[in-house]
Structures are given as structure tokens and as C-alpha cells.
Protein backbone atom coordinates (compact mmCIF):
# COMPACT_ATOMS: atom_id res chain seq x y z
CA UNK A 1 0.15 -0.39 0.10
CA UNK A 2 1.22 3.29 -0.82
CA UNK A 3 0.54 6.50 1.06
CA UNK A 4 -0.37 9.40 -0.97
CA UNK A 5 1.82 12.43 -1.53
CA UNK A 6 1.81 14.47 2.13
CA UNK A 7 0.63 17.99 2.04
CA UNK A 8 3.40 20.68 2.80
CA UNK A 9 4.74 20.93 5.99
CA UNK A 10 2.25 23.65 7.58
CA UNK A 11 3.12 25.59 10.52
CA UNK A 12 0.88 24.17 13.62
CA UNK A 13 -0.40 26.71 15.04
CA UNK A 14 -2.55 27.61 12.06
CA UNK A 15 -3.83 23.90 11.64
CA UNK A 16 -6.94 23.57 13.84
CA UNK A 17 -6.17 20.02 14.36
CA UNK A 18 -3.04 20.76 16.33
CA UNK A 19 -5.15 22.20 19.29
CA UNK A 20 -6.54 18.58 19.57
CA UNK A 21 -3.42 17.08 20.08
CA UNK A 22 -3.24 18.42 23.70
CA UNK A 23 -6.95 17.18 24.50
CA UNK A 24 -6.05 13.45 24.18
CA UNK A 25 -5.74 10.83 26.94
CA UNK A 26 -3.31 8.11 26.03
CA UNK A 27 -4.61 4.48 27.33
CA UNK A 28 -2.24 1.83 27.62
CA UNK A 29 -3.09 -1.40 27.14
CA UNK A 30 -0.83 -3.55 28.78
CA UNK A 31 -0.25 -2.56 32.19
CA UNK A 32 -3.19 -0.66 32.02
CA UNK A 33 -2.71 3.18 32.31
CA UNK A 34 -4.42 6.12 31.68
CA UNK A 35 -2.78 9.35 30.97
CA UNK A 36 -5.26 12.42 30.47
CA UNK A 37 -2.23 15.06 29.00
CA UNK A 38 -4.46 17.57 30.27
CA UNK A 39 -3.50 17.17 33.71
CA UNK A 40 -0.04 17.12 35.01
CA UNK A 41 2.15 14.02 35.81
CA UNK A 42 1.64 13.21 39.90
CA UNK A 43 3.30 10.05 41.23
CA UNK A 44 1.07 7.57 40.26
CA UNK A 45 1.03 8.24 37.10
CA UNK A 46 4.83 8.37 36.56
CA UNK A 47 4.96 4.75 38.40
CA UNK A 48 2.26 3.83 35.64
CA UNK A 49 4.32 4.77 32.53
CA UNK A 50 7.45 3.44 34.35
CA UNK A 51 5.91 0.02 34.47
CA UNK A 52 5.34 0.21 30.74
CA UNK A 53 9.13 -1.30 30.35
CA UNK A 54 9.80 1.36 27.57
CA UNK A 55 12.84 2.86 29.76
CA UNK A 56 13.06 6.55 30.68
CA UNK A 57 11.72 8.57 27.27
CA UNK A 58 9.70 6.52 24.74
CA UNK A 59 7.27 7.61 21.70
CA UNK A 60 3.82 7.58 21.29
CA UNK A 61 2.21 7.67 17.49
CA UNK A 62 0.07 6.39 15.02
CA UNK A 63 -0.33 4.63 11.25
CA UNK A 64 -4.22 5.45 11.23
CA UNK A 65 -5.44 8.03 8.84
CA UNK A 66 -2.25 9.74 7.33
CA UNK A 67 -2.66 13.22 6.43
CA UNK A 68 -5.73 13.22 8.99
CA UNK A 69 -7.68 11.56 6.18
CA UNK A 70 -10.20 9.11 7.82
CA UNK A 71 -9.44 6.08 6.59
CA UNK A 72 -11.71 2.52 6.87
CA UNK A 73 -11.29 0.12 9.56
CA UNK A 74 -9.79 -2.56 7.66
CA UNK A 75 -6.88 -0.03 5.80
CA UNK A 76 -6.13 1.33 9.59
CA UNK A 77 -5.39 -2.07 11.04
CA UNK A 78 -3.31 -2.81 8.07
CA UNK A 79 -0.91 0.35 8.51
CA UNK A 80 -1.12 -0.52 12.24
CA UNK A 81 0.13 -3.97 11.82
CA UNK A 82 2.64 -3.01 9.41
CA UNK A 83 3.79 -0.58 11.84
CA UNK A 84 3.93 -3.57 14.87
CA UNK A 85 5.89 -5.89 12.67
CA UNK A 86 8.18 -3.57 11.51
CA UNK A 87 8.95 -2.85 15.06
CA UNK A 88 9.44 -6.46 16.07
CA UNK A 89 11.28 -6.94 13.53
CA UNK A 90 13.60 -4.46 14.72
CA UNK A 91 13.15 -5.46 17.89
CA UNK A 92 12.07 -2.19 19.37
CA UNK A 93 9.81 -2.55 22.72
CA UNK A 94 6.76 -1.39 22.00
CA UNK A 95 3.47 -0.87 24.15
CA UNK A 96 -0.32 -0.34 22.06
CA UNK A 97 -1.68 2.70 23.01
CA UNK A 98 -5.35 3.97 22.16
CA UNK A 99 -5.47 7.69 21.97
CA UNK A 100 -8.92 9.31 22.55
CA UNK A 101 -10.02 12.75 22.56
CA UNK A 102 -11.37 14.45 25.53
CA UNK A 103 -15.16 13.79 24.63
CA UNK A 104 -14.27 10.31 23.78
CA UNK A 105 -15.88 10.17 20.46
CA UNK A 106 -12.53 9.75 18.50
CA UNK A 107 -9.65 6.89 18.86
CA UNK A 108 -6.95 6.04 16.99
CA UNK A 109 -5.17 2.87 18.36
CA UNK A 110 -1.57 3.95 18.72
CA UNK A 111 2.35 2.27 19.20
CA UNK A 112 4.36 3.78 22.44
CA UNK A 113 7.72 2.38 21.17
CA UNK A 114 11.43 2.67 22.78
CA UNK A 115 13.27 4.92 20.28
CA UNK A 116 14.90 8.22 20.15
CA UNK A 117 12.71 11.29 19.24
CA UNK A 118 14.71 11.69 15.44
CA UNK A 119 13.86 7.57 14.78
CA UNK A 120 10.25 8.63 15.76
CA UNK A 121 9.70 11.34 14.17
CA UNK A 122 10.86 9.91 10.77
CA UNK A 123 8.44 7.20 11.51
CA UNK A 124 5.49 8.82 12.24
CA UNK A 125 6.64 11.45 8.88
CA UNK A 126 6.81 8.46 6.87
CA UNK A 127 3.75 7.26 7.91
CA UNK A 128 1.71 10.25 7.20
CA UNK A 129 1.23 11.98 10.50
CA UNK A 130 0.95 15.47 11.48
CA UNK A 131 2.65 14.86 14.89
CA UNK A 132 3.35 12.44 18.11
CA UNK A 133 3.94 12.63 21.90
CA UNK A 134 7.41 12.33 22.85
CA UNK A 135 7.85 11.07 26.91
CA UNK A 136 11.07 12.85 27.76
CA UNK A 137 10.84 10.73 31.74
CA UNK A 138 9.00 13.43 33.65
CA UNK A 139 6.45 15.08 31.48
CA UNK A 140 5.04 14.70 27.53
CA UNK A 141 5.45 16.61 25.09
CA UNK A 142 3.88 17.48 21.21
CA UNK A 143 6.26 17.00 18.64
CA UNK A 144 5.94 17.97 15.26
CA UNK A 145 6.38 15.27 12.21
CA UNK A 146 4.37 16.99 9.18
CA UNK A 147 4.46 20.22 10.79
CA UNK A 148 6.96 22.65 11.70
CA UNK A 149 6.72 23.37 14.98
CA UNK A 150 8.58 24.00 17.95
CA UNK A 151 7.98 20.78 20.94
CA UNK A 152 5.10 22.13 23.02
CA UNK A 153 5.46 21.07 26.92
CA UNK A 154 1.98 19.39 28.11
CA UNK A 155 -0.28 19.94 29.62
CA UNK A 156 -0.62 23.83 28.60
CA UNK A 157 -2.91 25.79 30.53
CA UNK A 158 -4.60 27.00 27.36
CA UNK A 159 -4.78 25.11 24.47
CA UNK A 160 -6.12 27.68 22.18
CA UNK A 161 -2.94 29.07 20.05
CA UNK A 162 -2.21 32.87 20.28
């Protein structure tokens, strides 16, 4: 399966979808850990993230809905399985994650993987993703993949761009 040609990089603050990323809840499957990116990480959240076994830093991104275009379930499942297969072939530790909108109406299946940030950005970009989440050991950051933007430390007080 070939991805469509990506749009040119865009400035994140001008894209209304950028704001929605900061309102995400990450639901790690095994072990079960829920992280609301609108809230500061407390000791319990940090302990839960440590139990994932991904090391002190890791990335979270999806293969679904490239370039923000809704895809059918079978296409998204195929992309997700291919990403997981690639990580497994490289012997990269990863965990499955469901990213949910604040109201729970929108979900994408993701991976959290023990890769460095440049590798995560490269993989997310190759999959047509606008952004990814990066955990640096203390906090999550929203990092552009297809967009050109400074990383945003989460949570933020006001998700509305100025």
C-alpha cells in the first residue's frame, strides 16, 4: 500500500487540528495506564509509565488516518499491523495505546515505542502523521512530524494558539 503524497509542511499553530492533540487521553493497554494530557503527571502516573518497560523516554504515534484523512477500519488495521511488525522485526520494545479525544468520540490506535526522538519523527512522518507525543521521563511533549513547530510541553494552560 502506497501512501498519498503528503501536503507540504504546515505551521502547526495555523492548523486547527493541532489544538486537539493537547486534549488527548492516552490509554496504554498492558499494563493498563491512562494519561490525560490535560493534567500534570503525578507520582502514580509516572509509576504507571515506568511499568510499561519502555525506558526513561519513548514516543507515541499512530499509523492510522494518514494526513488527517479518515480511513476505513481495515486500512487502518493494516497500517497498524505493518508498523507493529516493523518494530518487532527491529526488536524495538513497544506497547499498544489508544489515543482518545477529550469527549471520547474519536479514537486512534497507536504504539508507544522505545525509540529516540529523531527515529520517531522519521517513522511518524513516513506514515503521514502530523505529530507525535514524546515522553522525556518527566512529562509529555507534542512534537511535530509533518508540521514545523516547536515542541509543546503538556499540559498547557490554554490550548488555544495565540
